Amino acid sequence: MKVFCFGLITALPAFAQESGGLKEVPEYWKWLNFFILAGILGYLVSKNLGPFLANRTKQIQEGLKAGEKAKADADARAAAVQAKLNDLDFQVSLMRDQAKQDREREAERIRAESEREIERVRQHAEQEIESAAKIARLEVQRFAAKIAIELAERKVRARMSPEVESALVGSFLDDLRNGSAPHAE
């Protein structure tokens, strides 16, 4: 239908000029052609342009709504990302604090363990020193006893004469005959 109307509009001026030949077309025919053409164009424009503009307006409004919705979604996502970033900063801060506390606890544990180990080594060293001192005292006592015995033996040998030796042996034999144990004089 549109094509037919368009063809009619373009053909009308040709029909108007053809019928007259070389004659001048009266002015009212020109105005009549103009009003017919303007009316047909006005009709076609009003019939098609209104719905076209309404449809285009509707598409633009839908596009604007979709854009606003996309913007709102993007803003919401940006806010969520920002919240996560803020939370990430908070989490990193918590992790740093926790790591610091862990380091301090570990340092304190190592310090306490070192003190216990030092105390254990000190006690062990004291026991070793005490044991070595006891052994040294025993050796000194043995050495002193050995020296005392040697000195006593020298004194006894120096005082011992054959007469004293015979008297001691005689006294020992008398004690044996009498049945009594020898006694030291």
N, C-alpha and C. Protein backbone atom coordinates (compact mmCIF):
# COMPACT_ATOMS: atom_id res chain seq x y z
N MET A 1 0.82 -1.18 0.00
CA MET A 1 0.00 0.00 0.00
C MET A 1 0.87 1.25 0.00
N LYS A 2 1.94 1.23 0.76
CA LYS A 2 2.83 2.38 0.84
C LYS A 2 3.48 2.64 -0.51
N VAL A 3 3.87 1.57 -1.15
CA VAL A 3 4.53 1.71 -2.45
C VAL A 3 3.55 2.30 -3.47
N PHE A 4 2.31 1.85 -3.42
CA PHE A 4 1.29 2.37 -4.35
C PHE A 4 1.07 3.86 -4.12
N CYS A 5 0.96 4.26 -2.88
CA CYS A 5 0.74 5.68 -2.56
C CYS A 5 1.93 6.51 -3.01
N PHE A 6 3.12 6.01 -2.80
CA PHE A 6 4.31 6.73 -3.21
C PHE A 6 4.35 6.90 -4.73
N GLY A 7 4.02 5.82 -5.42
CA GLY A 7 3.99 5.89 -6.88
C GLY A 7 2.95 6.87 -7.38
N LEU A 8 1.78 6.91 -6.74
CA LEU A 8 0.71 7.83 -7.12
C LEU A 8 1.16 9.27 -6.91
N ILE A 9 1.80 9.52 -5.83
CA ILE A 9 2.24 10.87 -5.51
C ILE A 9 3.26 11.35 -6.53
N THR A 10 4.17 10.49 -6.88
CA THR A 10 5.18 10.91 -7.85
C THR A 10 4.62 11.01 -9.27
N ALA A 11 3.57 10.27 -9.56
CA ALA A 11 2.99 10.29 -10.91
C ALA A 11 2.03 11.45 -11.11
N LEU A 12 1.37 11.96 -10.11
CA LEU A 12 0.40 13.04 -10.24
C LEU A 12 0.97 14.28 -10.93
N PRO A 13 2.13 14.76 -10.54
CA PRO A 13 2.64 15.92 -11.26
C PRO A 13 2.90 15.61 -12.73
N ALA A 14 3.28 14.39 -13.04
CA ALA A 14 3.53 14.04 -14.43
C ALA A 14 2.23 14.04 -15.22
N PHE A 15 1.14 13.53 -14.60
CA PHE A 15 -0.16 13.55 -15.28
C PHE A 15 -0.63 14.97 -15.49
N ALA A 16 -0.37 15.80 -14.55
CA ALA A 16 -0.82 17.19 -14.66
C ALA A 16 -0.12 17.88 -15.81
N GLN A 17 1.13 17.64 -16.00
CA GLN A 17 1.87 18.30 -17.06
C GLN A 17 1.55 17.66 -18.41
N GLU A 18 1.29 16.39 -18.45
CA GLU A 18 1.06 15.69 -19.69
C GLU A 18 -0.24 16.12 -20.35
N SER A 19 -1.23 16.32 -19.59
CA SER A 19 -2.51 16.66 -20.18
C SER A 19 -2.49 18.01 -20.85
N GLY A 20 -1.68 18.88 -20.44
CA GLY A 20 -1.66 20.22 -21.01
C GLY A 20 -0.73 20.35 -22.19
N GLY A 21 0.16 19.48 -22.36
CA GLY A 21 1.13 19.60 -23.43
C GLY A 21 2.05 20.75 -23.15
N LEU A 22 2.08 21.73 -24.07
CA LEU A 22 2.96 22.86 -23.90
C LEU A 22 2.26 23.99 -23.19
N LYS A 23 1.02 23.83 -22.93
CA LYS A 23 0.26 24.88 -22.26
C LYS A 23 0.71 24.99 -20.83
N GLU A 24 0.48 26.14 -20.38
CA GLU A 24 0.78 26.45 -18.99
C GLU A 24 -0.31 25.83 -18.15
N VAL A 25 0.10 25.18 -17.06
CA VAL A 25 -0.85 24.55 -16.13
C VAL A 25 -1.38 25.65 -15.26
N PRO A 26 -2.72 25.68 -15.10
CA PRO A 26 -3.29 26.73 -14.27
C PRO A 26 -2.76 26.61 -12.83
N GLU A 27 -2.76 27.72 -12.19
CA GLU A 27 -2.21 27.85 -10.85
C GLU A 27 -2.99 26.99 -9.88
N TYR A 28 -4.26 26.89 -9.97
CA TYR A 28 -5.03 26.11 -9.00
C TYR A 28 -4.69 24.65 -9.06
N TRP A 29 -4.30 24.13 -10.31
CA TRP A 29 -3.88 22.73 -10.42
C TRP A 29 -2.58 22.51 -9.63
N LYS A 30 -1.72 23.46 -9.69
CA LYS A 30 -0.46 23.32 -8.94
C LYS A 30 -0.75 23.26 -7.45
N TRP A 31 -1.67 24.18 -7.05
CA TRP A 31 -2.01 24.18 -5.62
C TRP A 31 -2.76 22.91 -5.25
N LEU A 32 -3.59 22.44 -6.12
CA LEU A 32 -4.33 21.21 -5.85
C LEU A 32 -3.36 20.04 -5.74
N ASN A 33 -2.42 19.94 -6.67
CA ASN A 33 -1.39 18.89 -6.60
C ASN A 33 -0.61 19.01 -5.30
N PHE A 34 -0.26 20.22 -4.94
CA PHE A 34 0.50 20.43 -3.72
C PHE A 34 -0.30 19.97 -2.51
N PHE A 35 -1.59 20.33 -2.42
CA PHE A 35 -2.39 19.94 -1.26
C PHE A 35 -2.64 18.45 -1.24
N ILE A 36 -2.83 17.85 -2.41
CA ILE A 36 -3.02 16.39 -2.46
C ILE A 36 -1.75 15.71 -1.98
N LEU A 37 -0.65 16.17 -2.57
CA LEU A 37 0.64 15.60 -2.18
C LEU A 37 0.90 15.82 -0.69
N ALA A 38 0.67 17.01 -0.20
CA ALA A 38 0.87 17.32 1.21
C ALA A 38 -0.07 16.51 2.07
N GLY A 39 -1.30 16.34 1.65
CA GLY A 39 -2.27 15.55 2.42
C GLY A 39 -1.86 14.10 2.50
N ILE A 40 -1.49 13.55 1.33
CA ILE A 40 -1.07 12.14 1.32
C ILE A 40 0.17 11.98 2.18
N LEU A 41 1.15 12.88 2.03
CA LEU A 41 2.36 12.80 2.86
C LEU A 41 2.03 12.97 4.34
N GLY A 42 1.13 13.91 4.62
CA GLY A 42 0.72 14.13 6.01
C GLY A 42 0.04 12.90 6.58
N TYR A 43 -0.83 12.28 5.76
CA TYR A 43 -1.52 11.07 6.19
C TYR A 43 -0.50 9.96 6.47
N LEU A 44 0.42 9.74 5.52
CA LEU A 44 1.42 8.69 5.69
C LEU A 44 2.32 8.97 6.89
N VAL A 45 2.70 10.24 7.02
CA VAL A 45 3.56 10.59 8.15
C VAL A 45 2.82 10.39 9.45
N SER A 46 1.58 10.86 9.52
CA SER A 46 0.84 10.73 10.78
C SER A 46 0.54 9.29 11.09
N LYS A 47 0.27 8.50 10.04
CA LYS A 47 -0.05 7.09 10.25
C LYS A 47 1.21 6.33 10.67
N ASN A 48 2.33 6.60 10.03
CA ASN A 48 3.54 5.81 10.30
C ASN A 48 4.50 6.48 11.29
N LEU A 49 4.58 7.78 11.26
CA LEU A 49 5.55 8.47 12.11
C LEU A 49 5.14 8.41 13.58
N GLY A 50 3.88 8.52 13.88
CA GLY A 50 3.42 8.47 15.28
C GLY A 50 3.80 7.16 15.95
N PRO A 51 3.38 6.01 15.34
CA PRO A 51 3.77 4.74 15.95
C PRO A 51 5.28 4.54 15.95
N PHE A 52 5.95 5.00 14.88
CA PHE A 52 7.42 4.88 14.84
C PHE A 52 8.06 5.65 15.98
N LEU A 53 7.60 6.91 16.16
CA LEU A 53 8.15 7.72 17.24
C LEU A 53 7.79 7.16 18.60
N ALA A 54 6.55 6.66 18.73
CA ALA A 54 6.14 6.06 20.00
C ALA A 54 6.98 4.83 20.29
N ASN A 55 7.19 4.00 19.26
CA ASN A 55 8.01 2.79 19.42
C ASN A 55 9.45 3.17 19.76
N ARG A 56 9.96 4.18 19.06
CA ARG A 56 11.33 4.63 19.30
C ARG A 56 11.46 5.21 20.71
N THR A 57 10.47 5.97 21.14
CA THR A 57 10.46 6.52 22.50
C THR A 57 10.45 5.39 23.52
N LYS A 58 9.63 4.38 23.23
CA LYS A 58 9.55 3.23 24.13
C LYS A 58 10.90 2.51 24.19
N GLN A 59 11.56 2.32 23.05
CA GLN A 59 12.87 1.68 23.02
C GLN A 59 13.91 2.49 23.79
N ILE A 60 13.85 3.81 23.61
CA ILE A 60 14.80 4.68 24.32
C ILE A 60 14.56 4.61 25.82
N GLN A 61 13.26 4.63 26.20
CA GLN A 61 12.95 4.54 27.64
C GLN A 61 13.40 3.19 28.21
N GLU A 62 13.17 2.11 27.45
CA GLU A 62 13.61 0.79 27.91
C GLU A 62 15.14 0.76 28.01
N GLY A 63 15.80 1.37 27.03
CA GLY A 63 17.27 1.45 27.08
C GLY A 63 17.74 2.23 28.29
N LEU A 64 17.03 3.35 28.59
CA LEU A 64 17.39 4.14 29.77
C LEU A 64 17.18 3.33 31.05
N LYS A 65 16.03 2.61 31.09
CA LYS A 65 15.76 1.78 32.28
C LYS A 65 16.81 0.69 32.42
N ALA A 66 17.15 0.06 31.28
CA ALA A 66 18.18 -0.99 31.32
C ALA A 66 19.52 -0.39 31.74
N GLY A 67 19.83 0.81 31.25
CA GLY A 67 21.07 1.48 31.64
C GLY A 67 21.08 1.81 33.12
N GLU A 68 19.95 2.31 33.62
CA GLU A 68 19.86 2.62 35.06
C GLU A 68 20.00 1.36 35.89
N LYS A 69 19.36 0.27 35.41
CA LYS A 69 19.46 -1.00 36.13
C LYS A 69 20.90 -1.50 36.11
N ALA A 70 21.54 -1.42 34.93
CA ALA A 70 22.94 -1.84 34.82
C ALA A 70 23.83 -0.98 35.71
N LYS A 71 23.55 0.32 35.76
CA LYS A 71 24.32 1.22 36.62
C LYS A 71 24.12 0.85 38.08
N ALA A 72 22.86 0.57 38.45
CA ALA A 72 22.58 0.18 39.84
C ALA A 72 23.29 -1.13 40.17
N ASP A 73 23.26 -2.10 39.22
CA ASP A 73 23.96 -3.37 39.44
C ASP A 73 25.46 -3.14 39.56
N ALA A 74 25.99 -2.30 38.69
CA ALA A 74 27.43 -2.00 38.75
C ALA A 74 27.79 -1.30 40.05
N ASP A 75 26.93 -0.36 40.48
CA ASP A 75 27.17 0.31 41.77
C ASP A 75 27.13 -0.68 42.92
N ALA A 76 26.17 -1.61 42.85
CA ALA A 76 26.05 -2.62 43.92
C ALA A 76 27.30 -3.51 43.93
N ARG A 77 27.74 -3.92 42.72
CA ARG A 77 28.95 -4.74 42.65
C ARG A 77 30.16 -3.97 43.12
N ALA A 78 30.23 -2.70 42.74
CA ALA A 78 31.36 -1.87 43.18
C ALA A 78 31.34 -1.72 44.70
N ALA A 79 30.15 -1.54 45.27
CA ALA A 79 30.04 -1.44 46.73
C ALA A 79 30.45 -2.75 47.39
N ALA A 80 30.04 -3.87 46.78
CA ALA A 80 30.41 -5.17 47.33
C ALA A 80 31.92 -5.37 47.26
N VAL A 81 32.50 -5.00 46.13
CA VAL A 81 33.96 -5.12 45.98
C VAL A 81 34.66 -4.21 46.99
N GLN A 82 34.16 -2.99 47.14
CA GLN A 82 34.76 -2.07 48.11
C GLN A 82 34.64 -2.62 49.53
N ALA A 83 33.46 -3.20 49.83
CA ALA A 83 33.28 -3.80 51.16
C ALA A 83 34.27 -4.94 51.36
N LYS A 84 34.45 -5.75 50.30
CA LYS A 84 35.41 -6.85 50.41
C LYS A 84 36.82 -6.31 50.58
N LEU A 85 37.15 -5.24 49.85
CA LEU A 85 38.47 -4.63 50.00
C LEU A 85 38.66 -4.09 51.41
N ASN A 86 37.62 -3.42 51.93
CA ASN A 86 37.70 -2.92 53.31
C ASN A 86 37.84 -4.08 54.27
N ASP A 87 37.06 -5.15 54.02
CA ASP A 87 37.14 -6.33 54.87
C ASP A 87 38.51 -6.99 54.71
N LEU A 88 39.04 -6.95 53.48
CA LEU A 88 40.36 -7.52 53.25
C LEU A 88 41.41 -6.76 54.05
N ASP A 89 41.31 -5.43 54.06
CA ASP A 89 42.24 -4.65 54.88
C ASP A 89 42.11 -5.04 56.34
N PHE A 90 40.87 -5.21 56.80
CA PHE A 90 40.63 -5.60 58.18
C PHE A 90 41.21 -7.00 58.44
N GLN A 91 40.97 -7.93 57.50
CA GLN A 91 41.48 -9.29 57.65
C GLN A 91 43.00 -9.30 57.66
N VAL A 92 43.62 -8.51 56.78
CA VAL A 92 45.08 -8.43 56.75
C VAL A 92 45.59 -7.87 58.07
N SER A 93 44.91 -6.87 58.59
CA SER A 93 45.29 -6.30 59.87
C SER A 93 45.18 -7.35 60.98
N LEU A 94 44.07 -8.10 60.96
CA LEU A 94 43.91 -9.17 61.95
C LEU A 94 45.01 -10.22 61.81
N MET A 95 45.33 -10.58 60.57
CA MET A 95 46.37 -11.58 60.35
C MET A 95 47.73 -11.07 60.83
N ARG A 96 48.01 -9.79 60.60
CA ARG A 96 49.27 -9.22 61.09
C ARG A 96 49.32 -9.26 62.61
N ASP A 97 48.20 -8.86 63.24
CA ASP A 97 48.15 -8.87 64.71
C ASP A 97 48.33 -10.30 65.22
N GLN A 98 47.65 -11.25 64.58
CA GLN A 98 47.76 -12.65 65.00
C GLN A 98 49.18 -13.16 64.82
N ALA A 99 49.80 -12.80 63.70
CA ALA A 99 51.19 -13.23 63.46
C ALA A 99 52.12 -12.62 64.51
N LYS A 100 51.89 -11.35 64.86
CA LYS A 100 52.71 -10.70 65.88
C LYS A 100 52.55 -11.42 67.22
N GLN A 101 51.30 -11.73 67.57
CA GLN A 101 51.05 -12.44 68.83
C GLN A 101 51.69 -13.82 68.80
N ASP A 102 51.58 -14.50 67.65
CA ASP A 102 52.21 -15.82 67.53
C ASP A 102 53.71 -15.73 67.69
N ARG A 103 54.33 -14.70 67.06
CA ARG A 103 55.77 -14.53 67.20
C ARG A 103 56.15 -14.27 68.65
N GLU A 104 55.37 -13.43 69.33
CA GLU A 104 55.66 -13.12 70.74
C GLU A 104 55.51 -14.37 71.61
N ARG A 105 54.44 -15.15 71.36
CA ARG A 105 54.25 -16.39 72.13
C ARG A 105 55.38 -17.37 71.85
N GLU A 106 55.78 -17.48 70.58
CA GLU A 106 56.86 -18.39 70.22
C GLU A 106 58.17 -17.94 70.86
N ALA A 107 58.42 -16.63 70.84
CA ALA A 107 59.64 -16.11 71.47
C ALA A 107 59.62 -16.39 72.97
N GLU A 108 58.47 -16.20 73.61
CA GLU A 108 58.35 -16.46 75.04
C GLU A 108 58.54 -17.95 75.33
N ARG A 109 57.96 -18.81 74.47
CA ARG A 109 58.11 -20.26 74.65
C ARG A 109 59.58 -20.65 74.50
N ILE A 110 60.25 -20.09 73.50
CA ILE A 110 61.66 -20.41 73.29
C ILE A 110 62.49 -19.90 74.46
N ARG A 111 62.17 -18.69 74.95
CA ARG A 111 62.89 -18.13 76.08
C ARG A 111 62.71 -19.02 77.31
N ALA A 112 61.46 -19.45 77.58
CA ALA A 112 61.20 -20.30 78.74
C ALA A 112 61.89 -21.65 78.58
N GLU A 113 61.84 -22.19 77.37
CA GLU A 113 62.50 -23.47 77.11
C GLU A 113 64.00 -23.34 77.28
N SER A 114 64.56 -22.24 76.82
CA SER A 114 66.00 -22.00 76.98
C SER A 114 66.35 -21.88 78.45
N GLU A 115 65.53 -21.17 79.22
CA GLU A 115 65.79 -21.04 80.66
C GLU A 115 65.73 -22.40 81.34
N ARG A 116 64.74 -23.23 80.96
CA ARG A 116 64.65 -24.58 81.54
C ARG A 116 65.88 -25.41 81.17
N GLU A 117 66.30 -25.30 79.93
CA GLU A 117 67.48 -26.05 79.48
C GLU A 117 68.73 -25.57 80.21
N ILE A 118 68.86 -24.24 80.36
CA ILE A 118 70.00 -23.68 81.10
C ILE A 118 69.99 -24.17 82.54
N GLU A 119 68.80 -24.17 83.16
CA GLU A 119 68.69 -24.65 84.55
C GLU A 119 69.04 -26.13 84.65
N ARG A 120 68.58 -26.91 83.66
CA ARG A 120 68.89 -28.34 83.65
C ARG A 120 70.39 -28.56 83.50
N VAL A 121 71.02 -27.80 82.58
CA VAL A 121 72.47 -27.92 82.39
C VAL A 121 73.21 -27.48 83.65
N ARG A 122 72.73 -26.40 84.29
CA ARG A 122 73.37 -25.92 85.53
C ARG A 122 73.28 -26.98 86.62
N GLN A 123 72.08 -27.57 86.80
CA GLN A 123 71.92 -28.61 87.81
C GLN A 123 72.81 -29.81 87.51
N HIS A 124 72.86 -30.18 86.23
CA HIS A 124 73.71 -31.31 85.85
C HIS A 124 75.18 -30.98 86.14
N ALA A 125 75.58 -29.76 85.82
CA ALA A 125 76.97 -29.35 86.09
C ALA A 125 77.25 -29.36 87.59
N GLU A 126 76.28 -28.88 88.40
CA GLU A 126 76.48 -28.89 89.86
C GLU A 126 76.62 -30.32 90.36
N GLN A 127 75.78 -31.23 89.81
CA GLN A 127 75.88 -32.63 90.23
C GLN A 127 77.23 -33.21 89.83
N GLU A 128 77.67 -32.88 88.62
CA GLU A 128 78.98 -33.37 88.17
C GLU A 128 80.09 -32.82 89.07
N ILE A 129 79.99 -31.52 89.40
CA ILE A 129 81.00 -30.90 90.26
C ILE A 129 80.98 -31.54 91.64
N GLU A 130 79.76 -31.76 92.17
CA GLU A 130 79.63 -32.38 93.50
C GLU A 130 80.18 -33.80 93.49
N SER A 131 79.87 -34.52 92.41
CA SER A 131 80.36 -35.90 92.29
C SER A 131 81.89 -35.90 92.18
N ALA A 132 82.41 -34.98 91.36
CA ALA A 132 83.87 -34.90 91.22
C ALA A 132 84.51 -34.51 92.55
N ALA A 133 83.86 -33.64 93.33
CA ALA A 133 84.41 -33.24 94.64
C ALA A 133 84.42 -34.42 95.60
N LYS A 134 83.35 -35.22 95.59
CA LYS A 134 83.31 -36.40 96.46
C LYS A 134 84.42 -37.37 96.10
N ILE A 135 84.57 -37.57 94.79
CA ILE A 135 85.62 -38.48 94.34
C ILE A 135 86.99 -37.93 94.74
N ALA A 136 87.17 -36.63 94.58
CA ALA A 136 88.46 -36.01 94.94
C ALA A 136 88.70 -36.14 96.44
N ARG A 137 87.66 -35.93 97.29
CA ARG A 137 87.81 -36.08 98.74
C ARG A 137 88.19 -37.51 99.10
N LEU A 138 87.51 -38.48 98.46
CA LEU A 138 87.84 -39.89 98.73
C LEU A 138 89.28 -40.19 98.35
N GLU A 139 89.69 -39.68 97.18
CA GLU A 139 91.06 -39.91 96.76
C GLU A 139 92.05 -39.26 97.71
N VAL A 140 91.70 -38.02 98.17
CA VAL A 140 92.57 -37.33 99.13
C VAL A 140 92.62 -38.11 100.44
N GLN A 141 91.44 -38.63 100.87
CA GLN A 141 91.41 -39.41 102.12
C GLN A 141 92.23 -40.69 101.97
N ARG A 142 92.11 -41.35 100.83
CA ARG A 142 92.88 -42.57 100.59
C ARG A 142 94.39 -42.26 100.58
N PHE A 143 94.67 -41.16 99.86
CA PHE A 143 96.07 -40.76 99.78
C PHE A 143 96.61 -40.41 101.18
N ALA A 144 95.77 -39.67 101.96
CA ALA A 144 96.19 -39.30 103.32
C ALA A 144 96.34 -40.54 104.19
N ALA A 145 95.41 -41.49 104.02
CA ALA A 145 95.49 -42.73 104.81
C ALA A 145 96.74 -43.51 104.42
N LYS A 146 97.03 -43.57 103.14
CA LYS A 146 98.21 -44.28 102.67
C LYS A 146 99.48 -43.64 103.24
N ILE A 147 99.51 -42.31 103.19
CA ILE A 147 100.67 -41.59 103.71
C ILE A 147 100.78 -41.81 105.23
N ALA A 148 99.61 -41.78 105.92
CA ALA A 148 99.62 -41.98 107.38
C ALA A 148 100.12 -43.38 107.71
N ILE A 149 99.70 -44.36 106.92
CA ILE A 149 100.14 -45.73 107.17
C ILE A 149 101.64 -45.84 106.92
N GLU A 150 102.08 -45.23 105.83
CA GLU A 150 103.51 -45.28 105.52
C GLU A 150 104.32 -44.59 106.63
N LEU A 151 103.83 -43.44 107.11
CA LEU A 151 104.53 -42.74 108.20
C LEU A 151 104.54 -43.57 109.48
N ALA A 152 103.38 -44.16 109.77
CA ALA A 152 103.30 -44.99 110.97
C ALA A 152 104.23 -46.18 110.85
N GLU A 153 104.29 -46.75 109.66
CA GLU A 153 105.15 -47.90 109.43
C GLU A 153 106.61 -47.48 109.61
N ARG A 154 106.96 -46.33 109.11
CA ARG A 154 108.33 -45.84 109.28
C ARG A 154 108.66 -45.62 110.77
N LYS A 155 107.68 -45.02 111.47
CA LYS A 155 107.92 -44.78 112.89
C LYS A 155 108.07 -46.10 113.65
N VAL A 156 107.18 -47.02 113.32
CA VAL A 156 107.25 -48.31 114.01
C VAL A 156 108.56 -48.98 113.68
N ARG A 157 108.99 -48.95 112.44
CA ARG A 157 110.26 -49.58 112.04
C ARG A 157 111.43 -48.84 112.71
N ALA A 158 111.30 -47.54 112.82
CA ALA A 158 112.39 -46.80 113.44
C ALA A 158 112.47 -47.13 114.93
N ARG A 159 111.36 -47.38 115.60
CA ARG A 159 111.36 -47.69 117.02
C ARG A 159 111.57 -49.18 117.28
N MET A 160 111.36 -49.92 116.29
CA MET A 160 111.43 -51.37 116.45
C MET A 160 112.90 -51.81 116.53
N SER A 161 113.17 -52.46 117.59
CA SER A 161 114.50 -53.04 117.75
C SER A 161 114.30 -54.54 117.98
N PRO A 162 115.32 -55.31 117.90
CA PRO A 162 115.14 -56.75 118.10
C PRO A 162 114.60 -57.05 119.50
N GLU A 163 114.91 -56.30 120.53
CA GLU A 163 114.41 -56.58 121.87
C GLU A 163 112.93 -56.30 121.96
N VAL A 164 112.47 -55.17 121.34
CA VAL A 164 111.07 -54.81 121.38
C VAL A 164 110.29 -55.83 120.57
N GLU A 165 110.86 -56.27 119.47
CA GLU A 165 110.18 -57.25 118.62
C GLU A 165 110.02 -58.56 119.38
N SER A 166 111.03 -59.02 120.13
CA SER A 166 110.94 -60.27 120.89
C SER A 166 109.93 -60.12 122.01
N ALA A 167 109.85 -58.95 122.62
CA ALA A 167 108.90 -58.75 123.70
C ALA A 167 107.48 -58.79 123.15
N LEU A 168 107.23 -58.20 122.01
CA LEU A 168 105.90 -58.21 121.40
C LEU A 168 105.51 -59.63 121.01
N VAL A 169 106.42 -60.38 120.44
CA VAL A 169 106.11 -61.75 120.01
C VAL A 169 105.84 -62.59 121.26
N GLY A 170 106.63 -62.41 122.32
CA GLY A 170 106.41 -63.17 123.56
C GLY A 170 105.08 -62.84 124.17
N SER A 171 104.69 -61.58 124.18
CA SER A 171 103.41 -61.17 124.73
C SER A 171 102.27 -61.75 123.91
N PHE A 172 102.46 -61.82 122.63
CA PHE A 172 101.42 -62.37 121.74
C PHE A 172 101.25 -63.85 122.02
N LEU A 173 102.33 -64.54 122.20
CA LEU A 173 102.25 -65.97 122.45
C LEU A 173 101.62 -66.25 123.82
N ASP A 174 101.91 -65.44 124.81
CA ASP A 174 101.32 -65.62 126.13
C ASP A 174 99.80 -65.43 126.05
N ASP A 175 99.40 -64.44 125.29
CA ASP A 175 97.95 -64.19 125.13
C ASP A 175 97.28 -65.37 124.44
N LEU A 176 97.95 -65.98 123.53
CA LEU A 176 97.37 -67.12 122.82
C LEU A 176 97.26 -68.32 123.78
N ARG A 177 98.22 -68.52 124.62
CA ARG A 177 98.19 -69.64 125.56
C ARG A 177 97.10 -69.44 126.59
N ASN A 178 96.87 -68.26 126.98
CA ASN A 178 95.87 -67.98 127.99
C ASN A 178 94.48 -67.98 127.39
N GLY A 179 94.38 -67.99 126.13
CA GLY A 179 93.07 -68.04 125.46
C GLY A 179 92.42 -66.68 125.33
N SER A 180 93.12 -65.69 125.55
CA SER A 180 92.52 -64.38 125.37
C SER A 180 93.04 -63.77 124.09
N ALA A 181 92.27 -62.87 123.61
CA ALA A 181 92.64 -62.21 122.34
C ALA A 181 93.75 -61.22 122.61
N PRO A 182 94.61 -61.05 121.66
CA PRO A 182 95.67 -60.08 121.87
C PRO A 182 95.11 -58.69 121.96
N HIS A 183 95.74 -57.91 122.74
CA HIS A 183 95.27 -56.55 122.91
C HIS A 183 96.38 -55.58 122.54
N ALA A 184 96.02 -54.48 122.11
CA ALA A 184 96.99 -53.49 121.67
C ALA A 184 97.43 -52.68 122.85
N GLU A 185 98.72 -52.41 122.91
CA GLU A 185 99.22 -51.62 124.02
C GLU A 185 99.71 -50.31 123.56
